[in-house]
């Protein structure tokens, strides 16, 4: 069973038609007309606005459920995550999410789901979490990006979401350049990278001009190479 993970740099249904176009692309990877999708909004503290937005936008095109960890009605995580076609992780605080997941064993259930053929998908924090490491602004309370080094490790190397935001891109390049983070990928908002068995098989965007990039250390600096990107347009 192949392992499929899709990493968005920062967009989804809450961003309107262009964001929803990325969600539709991921759902299409399941090969089903109405796939089973479970949403996890732990990084956003089970935001009722996020969860309702998920049902409003994804509900008509999928068998939609969610896994609450802060707010009732609570469900058994192992059962909620079993037999899903796609598990969709929200943005928010990567650090807080990982702590809560590990406390409740969600990390192990996600690993089992990946082994079973479920597509793991997420935006911003929901994309960063799958990597070994990456750049996050959730390690402090000052919106400064810092290296996160204890991701789930389902994908090797590092990651920077919101790569088209100058401050995020420059700080990530600096972290890779000095060796604080391993080589990795930067992903713009409204762009996504599709990994199969740990390898990039395609990159997409729903906004012309946005893309994804390989970022590698070269000496004491980082080199950035744009990846070939396919455009997926909103219906």
Protein backbone atom coordinates (compact mmCIF):
# COMPACT_ATOMS: atom_id res chain seq x y z
CA UNK A 1 0.00 0.00 0.00
CA UNK A 2 1.54 3.31 -1.05
CA UNK A 3 1.87 6.15 1.43
CA UNK A 4 0.29 9.38 0.15
CA UNK A 5 0.69 12.76 1.84
CA UNK A 6 -0.33 16.14 0.41
CA UNK A 7 1.19 19.29 1.89
CA UNK A 8 -0.42 22.68 1.30
CA UNK A 9 1.51 25.85 2.07
CA UNK A 10 -1.55 27.60 3.45
CA UNK A 11 -4.98 27.45 1.85
CA UNK A 12 -8.14 25.42 1.86
CA UNK A 13 -11.91 25.72 1.94
CA UNK A 14 -11.81 28.76 4.27
CA UNK A 15 -10.05 30.75 1.52
CA UNK A 16 -12.91 30.56 -0.95
CA UNK A 17 -13.01 28.87 -4.37
CA UNK A 18 -9.23 28.95 -4.94
CA UNK A 19 -8.60 27.22 -1.62
CA UNK A 20 -11.39 24.71 -2.16
CA UNK A 21 -9.80 23.83 -5.52
CA UNK A 22 -6.84 22.35 -3.61
CA UNK A 23 -9.19 20.36 -1.38
CA UNK A 24 -11.00 19.00 -4.45
CA UNK A 25 -7.66 18.00 -5.96
CA UNK A 26 -6.78 15.98 -2.86
CA UNK A 27 -10.20 14.35 -2.71
CA UNK A 28 -9.81 13.33 -6.37
CA UNK A 29 -6.66 11.38 -5.47
CA UNK A 30 -8.87 8.91 -3.58
CA UNK A 31 -10.49 7.83 -6.85
CA UNK A 32 -13.93 7.98 -5.23
CA UNK A 33 -16.86 10.18 -6.17
CA UNK A 34 -17.66 10.89 -2.52
CA UNK A 35 -14.68 9.92 -0.35
CA UNK A 36 -14.71 9.58 3.42
CA UNK A 37 -12.90 12.57 4.96
CA UNK A 38 -12.14 13.17 8.63
CA UNK A 39 -11.14 16.68 9.69
CA UNK A 40 -8.83 17.30 12.66
CA UNK A 41 -8.79 20.89 13.92
CA UNK A 42 -6.58 20.33 16.97
CA UNK A 43 -4.11 23.03 15.87
CA UNK A 44 -6.98 25.54 15.91
CA UNK A 45 -8.27 24.36 19.30
CA UNK A 46 -11.27 22.67 17.67
CA UNK A 47 -12.41 26.04 16.33
CA UNK A 48 -16.16 25.84 15.79
CA UNK A 49 -15.81 28.23 12.85
CA UNK A 50 -13.24 25.97 11.17
CA UNK A 51 -15.26 22.83 11.80
CA UNK A 52 -18.52 24.34 10.56
CA UNK A 53 -16.70 25.68 7.51
CA UNK A 54 -15.41 22.18 6.82
CA UNK A 55 -18.91 20.71 6.89
CA UNK A 56 -20.35 23.55 4.81
CA UNK A 57 -17.65 23.26 2.12
CA UNK A 58 -16.56 19.62 2.17
CA UNK A 59 -19.81 18.04 3.35
CA UNK A 60 -21.55 18.30 -0.04
CA UNK A 61 -18.68 16.55 -1.84
CA UNK A 62 -17.58 13.96 0.74
CA UNK A 63 -18.69 11.80 3.64
CA UNK A 64 -17.48 14.33 6.19
CA UNK A 65 -16.70 13.72 9.86
CA UNK A 66 -14.34 15.33 12.36
CA UNK A 67 -12.26 14.25 15.35
CA UNK A 68 -12.74 16.62 18.33
CA UNK A 69 -10.15 16.62 21.11
CA UNK A 70 -11.16 19.80 22.97
CA UNK A 71 -14.90 20.13 22.53
CA UNK A 72 -17.70 17.53 22.65
CA UNK A 73 -19.17 15.38 21.28
CA UNK A 74 -16.10 13.22 21.80
CA UNK A 75 -15.42 10.05 19.83
CA UNK A 76 -12.88 7.26 20.06
CA UNK A 77 -9.89 8.49 17.98
CA UNK A 78 -8.93 5.07 16.66
CA UNK A 79 -12.44 4.46 15.37
CA UNK A 80 -12.79 7.98 13.96
CA UNK A 81 -9.58 7.70 11.95
CA UNK A 82 -10.05 4.14 10.72
CA UNK A 83 -11.30 3.45 7.19
CA UNK A 84 -10.99 7.05 6.02
CA UNK A 85 -10.00 7.92 2.47
CA UNK A 86 -8.56 11.28 3.50
CA UNK A 87 -7.57 12.73 6.86
CA UNK A 88 -7.52 16.54 6.66
CA UNK A 89 -5.56 18.53 9.28
CA UNK A 90 -6.19 22.22 9.88
CA UNK A 91 -3.74 25.05 10.35
CA UNK A 92 -3.01 26.69 13.69
CA UNK A 93 -0.38 25.93 16.32
CA UNK A 94 1.85 23.06 15.19
CA UNK A 95 3.53 22.82 18.59
CA UNK A 96 0.30 22.61 20.60
CA UNK A 97 -1.17 20.13 18.15
CA UNK A 98 1.78 17.75 18.38
CA UNK A 99 1.72 17.80 22.18
CA UNK A 100 -2.00 16.96 22.31
CA UNK A 101 -1.72 14.31 19.60
CA UNK A 102 1.10 12.51 21.35
CA UNK A 103 -0.71 12.62 24.68
CA UNK A 104 -3.74 10.90 23.13
CA UNK A 105 -1.84 8.57 20.79
CA UNK A 106 -3.16 10.31 17.67
CA UNK A 107 0.31 10.13 16.10
CA UNK A 108 0.16 6.33 16.18
CA UNK A 109 -3.36 6.24 14.75
CA UNK A 110 -2.26 8.53 11.91
CA UNK A 111 0.70 6.29 11.17
CA UNK A 112 -1.62 3.28 11.05
CA UNK A 113 -4.00 5.14 8.74
CA UNK A 114 -1.13 6.01 6.40
CA UNK A 115 -0.08 2.35 6.31
CA UNK A 116 -3.67 1.42 5.45
CA UNK A 117 -3.78 3.67 2.40
CA UNK A 118 -5.44 6.79 3.83
CA UNK A 119 -4.26 10.04 2.23
CA UNK A 120 -2.93 12.45 4.85
CA UNK A 121 -3.49 16.10 3.97
CA UNK A 122 -3.13 19.45 5.64
CA UNK A 123 -2.40 23.14 5.28
CA UNK A 124 0.15 25.24 7.16
CA UNK A 125 0.49 23.44 10.53
CA UNK A 126 -1.45 20.58 8.95
CA UNK A 127 1.28 20.22 6.32
CA UNK A 128 4.30 20.91 8.52
CA UNK A 129 3.42 18.22 11.07
CA UNK A 130 4.19 15.32 8.69
CA UNK A 131 7.89 16.26 8.34
CA UNK A 132 10.85 15.57 10.60
CA UNK A 133 11.39 19.29 11.08
CA UNK A 134 10.46 22.71 9.77
CA UNK A 135 9.89 26.40 10.35
CA UNK A 136 7.08 27.47 12.68
CA UNK A 137 5.99 30.60 14.49
CA UNK A 138 4.19 28.59 17.19
CA UNK A 139 7.24 27.98 19.42
CA UNK A 140 6.98 31.45 20.95
CA UNK A 141 4.45 34.19 21.47
CA UNK A 142 6.00 36.79 19.20
CA UNK A 143 5.18 35.52 15.67
CA UNK A 144 8.88 34.86 15.03
CA UNK A 145 9.66 31.73 12.98
CA UNK A 146 11.89 29.20 14.73
CA UNK A 147 13.10 25.67 13.88
CA UNK A 148 10.77 22.85 14.91
CA UNK A 149 12.69 19.59 15.23
CA UNK A 150 10.20 17.06 16.56
CA UNK A 151 7.65 16.62 13.78
CA UNK A 152 6.01 13.26 13.17
CA UNK A 153 8.70 12.24 10.66
CA UNK A 154 6.38 10.65 8.12
CA UNK A 155 8.29 12.74 5.55
CA UNK A 156 12.04 13.23 5.72
CA UNK A 157 13.73 16.61 5.77
CA UNK A 158 12.17 19.95 6.62
CA UNK A 159 9.32 22.17 5.44
CA UNK A 160 8.30 25.81 5.35
CA UNK A 161 4.65 26.73 4.75
CA UNK A 162 3.63 30.24 3.62
CA UNK A 163 6.82 30.36 1.54
CA UNK A 164 5.56 33.34 -0.46
CA UNK A 165 5.56 35.44 2.72
CA UNK A 166 8.95 37.17 2.64
CA UNK A 167 9.69 36.85 6.36
CA UNK A 168 8.86 33.13 6.38
CA UNK A 169 10.91 32.41 3.25
CA UNK A 170 13.99 34.36 4.34
CA UNK A 171 14.07 32.90 7.84
CA UNK A 172 13.67 29.36 6.48
CA UNK A 173 16.47 29.86 3.96
CA UNK A 174 18.67 31.11 6.81
CA UNK A 175 17.83 28.08 8.99
CA UNK A 176 18.71 25.68 6.19
CA UNK A 177 21.79 27.67 5.25
CA UNK A 178 23.35 27.43 8.72
CA UNK A 179 22.24 23.83 9.25
CA UNK A 180 19.57 24.46 11.88
CA UNK A 181 17.17 22.63 9.58
CA UNK A 182 17.77 19.88 7.03
CA UNK A 183 17.18 20.41 3.31
CA UNK A 184 13.50 20.54 2.49
CA UNK A 185 10.62 22.10 0.61
CA UNK A 186 9.00 25.51 0.77
CA UNK A 187 5.38 25.77 -0.35
CA UNK A 188 3.53 28.97 -1.22
CA UNK A 189 0.00 29.65 -0.11
CA UNK A 190 -2.52 28.20 -2.60
CA UNK A 191 0.06 25.59 -3.63
CA UNK A 192 0.53 21.95 -2.60
CA UNK A 193 2.99 19.09 -2.97
CA UNK A 194 1.86 15.48 -3.43
CA UNK A 195 4.22 12.89 -1.94
CA UNK A 196 4.00 9.16 -2.64
CA UNK A 197 6.22 6.91 -0.53
CA UNK A 198 8.21 9.95 0.53
CA UNK A 199 8.94 11.20 -2.98
CA UNK A 200 7.45 14.24 -4.73
CA UNK A 201 5.29 13.08 -7.63
CA UNK A 202 3.55 16.36 -8.48
CA UNK A 203 3.07 19.92 -7.33
CA UNK A 204 -0.06 21.97 -7.92
CA UNK A 205 -1.40 25.47 -7.40
CA UNK A 206 -4.81 27.07 -7.64
CA UNK A 207 -3.37 30.58 -8.10
CA UNK A 208 -1.21 31.36 -11.13
CA UNK A 209 2.34 32.24 -10.12
CA UNK A 210 2.35 30.38 -6.82
CA UNK A 211 4.56 27.29 -6.57
CA UNK A 212 6.67 24.97 -4.42
CA UNK A 213 10.44 24.88 -4.09
CA UNK A 214 13.32 22.64 -3.09
CA UNK A 215 15.56 24.35 -0.56
CA UNK A 216 19.05 22.92 -0.06
CA UNK A 217 22.11 23.93 1.92
CA UNK A 218 25.12 24.93 -0.16
CA UNK A 219 28.07 26.04 1.93
CA UNK A 220 26.69 28.49 4.47
CA UNK A 221 23.72 29.52 2.33
CA UNK A 222 20.57 27.94 0.92
CA UNK A 223 19.75 27.43 -2.74
CA UNK A 224 16.15 27.58 -3.91
CA UNK A 225 14.87 25.71 -6.99
CA UNK A 226 11.30 26.13 -8.21
CA UNK A 227 9.44 22.89 -8.90
CA UNK A 228 7.36 22.40 -12.02
CA UNK A 229 3.80 23.19 -11.02
CA UNK A 230 0.42 22.27 -12.49
CA UNK A 231 -2.52 24.63 -12.07
CA UNK A 232 -5.79 23.29 -10.70
CA UNK A 233 -8.57 25.83 -11.14
CA UNK A 234 -11.69 26.36 -9.09
CA UNK A 235 -14.83 24.94 -10.75
